[in-house]
Amino acid sequence: MTSRQLQKAGLPPVSELTEIAPAPVRTESATSGAGTDEPPDPWARRRDAIRLALIRTHKYSSYVFSAFLSLHAVNVVVLPAVTGSTTAADDALVLTRVFYQATAVEPVAVFGALAAHAAAGALLRALKVRRDRRWYAQRQKMTRVAFAGYLLVPVTVAHVALARVVPARLFGDSSIVSLRLVSHGFARHRLLSWTVYTALVGLTAFHVIGGWARWLRLTRRKTLQALTWSSAAVGMLALRVVSRQGAAAPWLARRYDDIYRTQVVRWGAFASGIVYGAYHSFSLSSAAKAHHAAAEYAHQEALIKQAKEEYAKLHPKPVVAVSSAAVETDISSPNFDLEKFLDYALKE
């Protein structure tokens, strides 16, 4: 703008303006309470730091566990599906367990990473529920990937107990554990084995691929669905191969039966409790949502009724006086109006 245009706009001329060196502008954090009537929250920064630490733990622990899971999936899923037998898979399992069952590796890279991932996810979920109730007065929906992760917890615990915990308690170690243990379970407990391992394969494929898609920010839905279904199909093919191997040899079958006898009773009760707890939680959540919707509807109804009453007070209807001359009292007359006649009679 020229000096004349600046003068017309009521602004000082350019010569009177002072040049200031550029400098960053300091702004208060949105969580510090600046510019609001609320006092600053001293725990806001600490909560943000805790949440950031949980997010990083949840993310990077999945990186560590994915390394073990990839190696384990090649042994027990890919090899049986490709070769059509469990011989090569058992040989590879014996070789690889030397590395990931080492004293310094398994507690950190397997059990530690898995426990850290599950615990961080649960704490993040608790913080999100608390934030949603504070901001939106209700709990927001859980993502399908997260829900699949929570469903995986009891299935994974049962699998770890079957393959590592129970054999170690009964026999001192898990050296007798191989795919023969799984095939023996299919021969002895067919329905339970198909239920548990189908859930393990399907939920793992969905949760792992969905989680990595989130970490890598992949948005091609059809590609992710195709990859999930393909992985689940390979896993089901491997289960079909393992289930056809039949029961183990008599001397090994007795030990496997001891493992399953302990496993089925104990973890069957545990799984039943998990299922009942999930159903009960879903019932309570549905009832709370229905109650909230009914209360919201009643509140809106009360507001509408109150608005109508206030509008009627501010805009009263004019009262029209009806004279006797304007009312036809002769019933036989064609101009007789029953409504006007009744109004007139009541007023009189």
Protein backbone atom coordinates (compact mmCIF):
# COMPACT_ATOMS: atom_id res chain seq x y z
CA MET A 1 0.00 0.00 0.00
CA THR A 2 1.17 3.52 -0.73
CA SER A 3 1.50 6.27 1.90
CA ARG A 4 -1.73 7.92 0.66
CA GLN A 5 -3.66 4.67 0.96
CA LEU A 6 -2.28 4.17 4.45
CA GLN A 7 -3.41 7.66 5.47
CA LYS A 8 -6.91 7.05 4.08
CA ALA A 9 -7.09 3.81 6.05
CA GLY A 10 -6.07 5.60 9.25
CA LEU A 11 -2.72 3.82 9.49
CA PRO A 12 0.67 5.44 10.22
CA PRO A 13 3.10 5.93 7.31
CA VAL A 14 5.75 3.31 6.61
CA SER A 15 8.52 5.56 7.90
CA GLU A 16 7.03 5.49 11.42
CA LEU A 17 6.86 1.68 11.58
CA THR A 18 9.53 -0.11 13.63
CA GLU A 19 11.21 -3.22 12.21
CA ILE A 20 11.39 -6.09 14.72
CA ALA A 21 13.65 -9.10 14.38
CA PRO A 22 11.76 -12.37 14.03
CA ALA A 23 11.52 -14.45 17.21
CA PRO A 24 9.50 -17.50 18.22
CA VAL A 25 6.25 -16.82 19.99
CA ARG A 26 5.80 -18.63 23.28
CA THR A 27 2.36 -20.10 23.85
CA GLU A 28 1.02 -21.83 26.91
CA SER A 29 0.05 -25.48 26.64
CA ALA A 30 -3.60 -26.27 26.19
CA THR A 31 -3.45 -28.47 29.25
CA SER A 32 -1.95 -25.81 31.51
CA GLY A 33 -5.26 -23.96 31.95
CA ALA A 34 -3.98 -20.64 30.55
CA GLY A 35 -6.70 -18.41 29.17
CA THR A 36 -9.44 -20.30 31.03
CA ASP A 37 -11.20 -19.92 34.34
CA GLU A 38 -9.99 -23.35 35.47
CA PRO A 39 -6.76 -23.55 37.49
CA PRO A 40 -3.80 -25.26 35.78
CA ASP A 41 -3.69 -29.01 36.28
CA PRO A 42 -0.32 -29.98 37.82
CA TRP A 43 -0.82 -33.60 36.70
CA ALA A 44 -1.47 -32.75 33.04
CA ARG A 45 2.17 -32.89 31.95
CA ARG A 46 2.78 -36.03 33.98
CA ARG A 47 -0.26 -37.74 32.43
CA ASP A 48 0.93 -36.79 28.95
CA ALA A 49 4.40 -38.19 29.72
CA ILE A 50 2.92 -41.44 31.06
CA ARG A 51 0.64 -41.79 28.05
CA LEU A 52 3.56 -41.20 25.65
CA ALA A 53 5.66 -43.81 27.48
CA LEU A 54 2.80 -46.32 27.27
CA ILE A 55 2.34 -45.66 23.54
CA ARG A 56 6.03 -46.26 22.90
CA THR A 57 6.05 -49.40 25.05
CA HIS A 58 2.97 -50.73 23.26
CA LYS A 59 4.52 -50.04 19.87
CA TYR A 60 8.12 -51.18 20.29
CA SER A 61 7.25 -54.28 22.30
CA SER A 62 5.23 -55.43 19.28
CA TYR A 63 8.38 -55.03 17.16
CA VAL A 64 10.33 -57.34 19.47
CA PHE A 65 7.61 -59.97 19.74
CA SER A 66 6.97 -59.89 15.98
CA ALA A 67 10.53 -61.14 15.41
CA PHE A 68 9.83 -64.26 17.50
CA LEU A 69 6.33 -64.64 16.04
CA SER A 70 7.66 -64.60 12.47
CA LEU A 71 10.18 -67.35 13.24
CA HIS A 72 7.59 -69.40 15.13
CA ALA A 73 4.99 -69.00 12.36
CA VAL A 74 7.44 -70.27 9.74
CA ASN A 75 8.09 -73.37 11.85
CA VAL A 76 4.57 -74.35 12.89
CA VAL A 77 2.41 -72.81 10.13
CA VAL A 78 4.27 -72.36 6.86
CA LEU A 79 6.28 -75.61 6.88
CA PRO A 80 3.32 -77.93 7.62
CA ALA A 81 1.17 -76.12 5.05
CA VAL A 82 3.86 -76.37 2.36
CA THR A 83 5.24 -79.86 3.04
CA GLY A 84 1.98 -81.51 4.08
CA SER A 85 3.54 -83.15 7.14
CA THR A 86 4.92 -82.23 10.56
CA THR A 87 8.36 -83.86 10.18
CA ALA A 88 10.17 -80.83 8.75
CA ALA A 89 8.33 -78.53 11.15
CA ASP A 90 9.38 -80.58 14.19
CA ASP A 91 13.01 -80.61 13.03
CA ALA A 92 12.99 -76.83 12.51
CA LEU A 93 11.26 -76.35 15.88
CA VAL A 94 14.02 -78.26 17.66
CA LEU A 95 16.69 -76.14 15.95
CA THR A 96 15.09 -72.73 16.50
CA ARG A 97 13.99 -73.25 20.09
CA VAL A 98 17.68 -73.28 21.02
CA PHE A 99 17.76 -69.56 20.19
CA TYR A 100 14.44 -68.17 21.40
CA GLN A 101 14.19 -70.40 24.51
CA ALA A 102 17.59 -69.29 25.76
CA THR A 103 17.76 -68.02 29.33
CA ALA A 104 18.48 -64.43 28.34
CA VAL A 105 16.17 -64.32 25.29
CA GLU A 106 12.82 -65.90 26.16
CA PRO A 107 12.01 -63.84 29.30
CA VAL A 108 12.69 -60.59 27.41
CA ALA A 109 11.95 -61.12 23.71
CA VAL A 110 8.98 -63.49 24.14
CA PHE A 111 7.20 -63.36 27.48
CA GLY A 112 8.46 -59.90 28.46
CA ALA A 113 7.56 -58.27 25.14
CA LEU A 114 4.15 -59.96 25.07
CA ALA A 115 3.34 -58.97 28.65
CA ALA A 116 4.52 -55.38 28.07
CA HIS A 117 2.40 -55.11 24.91
CA ALA A 118 -0.73 -56.43 26.63
CA ALA A 119 -0.25 -54.37 29.81
CA ALA A 120 0.48 -51.14 27.93
CA GLY A 121 -2.56 -51.69 25.72
CA ALA A 122 -4.81 -52.27 28.73
CA LEU A 123 -3.51 -49.14 30.51
CA LEU A 124 -3.93 -47.04 27.37
CA ARG A 125 -7.48 -48.33 27.08
CA ALA A 126 -8.19 -47.36 30.70
CA LEU A 127 -6.82 -43.85 30.11
CA LYS A 128 -8.90 -43.52 26.94
CA VAL A 129 -12.08 -44.59 28.74
CA ARG A 130 -11.41 -42.04 31.48
CA ARG A 131 -10.76 -39.30 28.90
CA ASP A 132 -13.88 -40.18 26.89
CA ARG A 133 -16.06 -40.02 29.97
CA ARG A 134 -14.60 -36.63 30.86
CA TRP A 135 -14.86 -35.16 27.35
CA TYR A 136 -17.88 -36.91 25.85
CA ALA A 137 -19.74 -38.15 28.97
CA GLN A 138 -19.68 -41.68 27.54
CA ARG A 139 -17.30 -44.40 26.41
CA GLN A 140 -16.34 -44.50 22.74
CA LYS A 141 -16.29 -47.71 20.72
CA MET A 142 -13.23 -49.96 20.74
CA THR A 143 -11.49 -50.65 17.43
CA ARG A 144 -11.76 -54.14 15.94
CA VAL A 145 -7.99 -54.63 16.06
CA ALA A 146 -7.91 -53.80 19.78
CA PHE A 147 -10.92 -56.03 20.47
CA ALA A 148 -9.20 -58.91 18.68
CA GLY A 149 -6.15 -58.32 20.87
CA TYR A 150 -8.19 -58.63 24.06
CA LEU A 151 -9.81 -61.83 22.76
CA LEU A 152 -6.31 -63.18 22.08
CA VAL A 153 -5.23 -62.87 25.71
CA PRO A 154 -6.98 -65.99 27.14
CA VAL A 155 -6.21 -68.04 24.01
CA THR A 156 -2.52 -67.09 24.14
CA VAL A 157 -2.33 -67.79 27.86
CA ALA A 158 -3.81 -71.26 27.29
CA HIS A 159 -1.32 -71.95 24.48
CA VAL A 160 1.66 -70.84 26.57
CA ALA A 161 0.47 -72.97 29.49
CA LEU A 162 0.08 -76.00 27.24
CA ALA A 163 3.46 -75.68 25.53
CA ARG A 164 5.68 -74.31 28.32
CA VAL A 165 4.20 -73.98 31.82
CA VAL A 166 2.46 -77.33 32.39
CA PRO A 167 5.23 -79.52 30.83
CA ALA A 168 7.87 -77.68 32.88
CA ARG A 169 5.92 -78.29 36.09
CA LEU A 170 5.21 -81.95 35.34
CA PHE A 171 8.48 -83.06 33.74
CA GLY A 172 11.01 -80.33 34.54
CA ASP A 173 11.24 -78.95 30.98
CA SER A 174 9.33 -78.82 27.68
CA SER A 175 11.66 -80.96 25.58
CA ILE A 176 8.87 -83.42 24.71
CA VAL A 177 6.70 -80.64 23.28
CA SER A 178 6.36 -80.62 19.49
CA LEU A 179 3.60 -80.60 16.92
CA ARG A 180 2.87 -84.16 18.03
CA LEU A 181 1.42 -82.64 21.21
CA VAL A 182 -0.99 -80.55 19.12
CA SER A 183 -1.96 -83.48 16.87
CA HIS A 184 -2.49 -85.64 19.98
CA GLY A 185 -4.83 -82.94 21.30
CA PHE A 186 -6.82 -83.04 18.06
CA ALA A 187 -7.14 -86.83 18.42
CA ARG A 188 -8.21 -86.70 22.10
CA HIS A 189 -10.11 -83.37 22.28
CA ARG A 190 -11.15 -82.65 18.72
CA LEU A 191 -13.84 -79.99 19.26
CA LEU A 192 -11.89 -78.07 21.90
CA SER A 193 -8.68 -78.14 19.85
CA TRP A 194 -10.36 -76.90 16.69
CA THR A 195 -12.09 -74.12 18.64
CA VAL A 196 -8.97 -72.89 20.43
CA TYR A 197 -6.52 -73.12 17.53
CA THR A 198 -8.97 -71.63 14.99
CA ALA A 199 -9.42 -68.66 17.31
CA LEU A 200 -5.65 -68.45 17.82
CA VAL A 201 -4.90 -68.45 14.07
CA GLY A 202 -7.70 -66.12 13.00
CA LEU A 203 -7.34 -63.56 15.78
CA THR A 204 -3.55 -63.50 15.48
CA ALA A 205 -3.70 -62.87 11.72
CA PHE A 206 -6.25 -60.08 12.14
CA HIS A 207 -4.58 -58.40 15.13
CA VAL A 208 -0.98 -58.59 13.89
CA ILE A 209 -1.70 -57.43 10.33
CA GLY A 210 -4.07 -54.71 11.55
CA GLY A 211 -1.53 -53.53 14.14
CA TRP A 212 1.32 -53.36 11.65
CA ALA A 213 -0.94 -51.52 9.21
CA ARG A 214 -1.51 -48.94 11.93
CA TRP A 215 2.20 -48.61 12.76
CA LEU A 216 3.11 -48.29 9.07
CA ARG A 217 0.04 -46.12 8.31
CA LEU A 218 -1.24 -48.39 5.56
CA THR A 219 -4.74 -47.49 4.38
CA ARG A 220 -5.42 -49.90 1.51
CA ARG A 221 -8.29 -51.79 3.06
CA LYS A 222 -8.77 -54.40 0.34
CA THR A 223 -5.06 -55.28 0.33
CA LEU A 224 -5.04 -55.66 4.12
CA GLN A 225 -8.17 -57.80 4.04
CA ALA A 226 -6.67 -60.03 1.35
CA LEU A 227 -3.45 -60.41 3.37
CA THR A 228 -5.41 -61.24 6.53
CA TRP A 229 -7.59 -63.83 4.82
CA SER A 230 -4.57 -65.36 3.08
CA SER A 231 -2.64 -65.68 6.35
CA ALA A 232 -5.65 -67.20 8.10
CA ALA A 233 -6.12 -69.66 5.20
CA VAL A 234 -2.49 -70.81 5.43
CA GLY A 235 -2.92 -71.24 9.18
CA MET A 236 -6.08 -73.32 8.73
CA LEU A 237 -4.32 -75.49 6.13
CA ALA A 238 -1.52 -76.10 8.63
CA LEU A 239 -4.09 -77.05 11.31
CA ARG A 240 -5.67 -79.52 8.89
CA VAL A 241 -2.27 -81.14 8.28
CA VAL A 242 -1.48 -81.34 12.01
CA SER A 243 -4.93 -82.69 12.93
CA ARG A 244 -4.48 -85.63 10.55
CA GLN A 245 -1.33 -86.94 12.28
CA GLY A 246 -3.37 -88.78 14.92
CA ALA A 247 -2.50 -89.68 18.49
CA ALA A 248 1.08 -90.06 19.70
CA ALA A 249 2.87 -93.32 20.49
CA PRO A 250 1.69 -95.04 23.73
CA TRP A 251 4.72 -94.09 25.84
CA LEU A 252 4.46 -90.44 24.72
CA ALA A 253 0.66 -90.42 24.75
CA ARG A 254 0.62 -91.01 28.53
CA ARG A 255 2.69 -87.88 29.12
CA TYR A 256 0.61 -85.85 26.69
CA ASP A 257 -2.57 -87.04 28.41
CA ASP A 258 -1.19 -85.80 31.73
CA ILE A 259 -0.54 -82.40 30.16
CA TYR A 260 -4.01 -82.16 28.64
CA ARG A 261 -5.68 -83.46 31.79
CA THR A 262 -4.20 -80.59 33.76
CA GLN A 263 -4.61 -78.11 30.93
CA VAL A 264 -8.18 -78.80 29.90
CA VAL A 265 -9.71 -78.67 33.37
CA ARG A 266 -7.79 -75.65 34.61
CA TRP A 267 -7.78 -73.51 31.49
CA GLY A 268 -11.25 -74.61 30.43
CA ALA A 269 -12.58 -73.05 33.62
CA PHE A 270 -10.44 -69.99 32.99
CA ALA A 271 -11.75 -69.59 29.42
CA SER A 272 -15.33 -70.04 30.62
CA GLY A 273 -14.80 -67.25 33.13
CA ILE A 274 -13.36 -65.00 30.43
CA VAL A 275 -16.30 -65.66 28.11
CA TYR A 276 -18.83 -65.05 30.88
CA GLY A 277 -17.01 -61.88 31.93
CA ALA A 278 -17.01 -60.57 28.36
CA TYR A 279 -20.73 -61.37 27.99
CA HIS A 280 -21.56 -59.75 31.33
CA SER A 281 -19.52 -56.65 30.46
CA PHE A 282 -21.25 -56.40 27.08
CA SER A 283 -24.68 -56.71 28.76
CA LEU A 284 -23.86 -53.97 31.27
CA SER A 285 -22.49 -51.73 28.52
CA SER A 286 -25.62 -52.24 26.37
CA ALA A 287 -27.88 -51.50 29.34
CA ALA A 288 -25.90 -48.36 30.16
CA LYS A 289 -26.10 -47.18 26.54
CA ALA A 290 -29.87 -47.80 26.45
CA HIS A 291 -30.32 -45.93 29.75
CA HIS A 292 -28.20 -43.04 28.48
CA ALA A 293 -30.20 -42.85 25.23
CA ALA A 294 -33.52 -42.90 27.14
CA ALA A 295 -32.32 -40.17 29.52
CA GLU A 296 -31.11 -38.06 26.59
CA TYR A 297 -34.46 -38.48 24.82
CA ALA A 298 -36.38 -37.52 27.99
CA HIS A 299 -34.14 -34.48 28.42
CA GLN A 300 -34.76 -33.36 24.84
CA GLU A 301 -38.51 -33.89 25.34
CA ALA A 302 -38.46 -31.76 28.49
CA LEU A 303 -36.55 -28.99 26.69
CA ILE A 304 -39.06 -28.99 23.81
CA LYS A 305 -41.99 -28.88 26.24
CA GLN A 306 -40.38 -26.04 28.19
CA ALA A 307 -39.70 -24.13 24.98
CA LYS A 308 -43.33 -24.50 23.91
CA GLU A 309 -44.54 -23.23 27.28
CA GLU A 310 -42.22 -20.22 27.15
CA TYR A 311 -43.30 -19.45 23.59
CA ALA A 312 -46.96 -19.64 24.64
CA LYS A 313 -46.27 -17.17 27.48
CA LEU A 314 -44.47 -14.73 25.17
CA HIS A 315 -46.97 -15.09 22.32
CA PRO A 316 -50.44 -15.60 23.85
CA LYS A 317 -53.29 -16.30 21.46
CA PRO A 318 -55.70 -13.34 21.07
CA VAL A 319 -59.14 -13.96 22.56
CA VAL A 320 -61.89 -13.24 20.08
CA ALA A 321 -65.14 -12.15 21.67
CA VAL A 322 -68.14 -13.83 20.19
CA SER A 323 -71.32 -11.79 20.24
CA SER A 324 -74.77 -13.27 20.37
CA ALA A 325 -75.62 -11.67 17.04
CA ALA A 326 -72.80 -13.54 15.30
CA VAL A 327 -73.96 -16.94 16.63
CA GLU A 328 -76.78 -18.72 14.92
CA THR A 329 -78.97 -20.41 17.52
CA ASP A 330 -81.48 -21.89 15.15
CA ILE A 331 -80.60 -25.54 14.64
CA SER A 332 -82.57 -25.76 11.40
CA SER A 333 -80.73 -22.81 9.88
CA PRO A 334 -78.13 -23.64 7.18
CA ASN A 335 -75.69 -21.21 8.92
CA PHE A 336 -75.82 -23.10 12.21
CA ASP A 337 -72.32 -23.87 13.55
CA LEU A 338 -72.26 -26.32 16.42
CA GLU A 339 -68.74 -25.37 17.57
CA LYS A 340 -69.51 -21.67 17.75
CA PHE A 341 -72.79 -22.40 19.48
CA LEU A 342 -71.10 -24.53 22.17
CA ASP A 343 -68.38 -21.90 22.74
CA TYR A 344 -71.02 -19.23 23.11
CA ALA A 345 -73.12 -21.36 25.48
CA LEU A 346 -70.15 -22.11 27.70
CA LYS A 347 -69.15 -18.46 27.91
CA GLU A 348 -72.67 -17.45 28.76
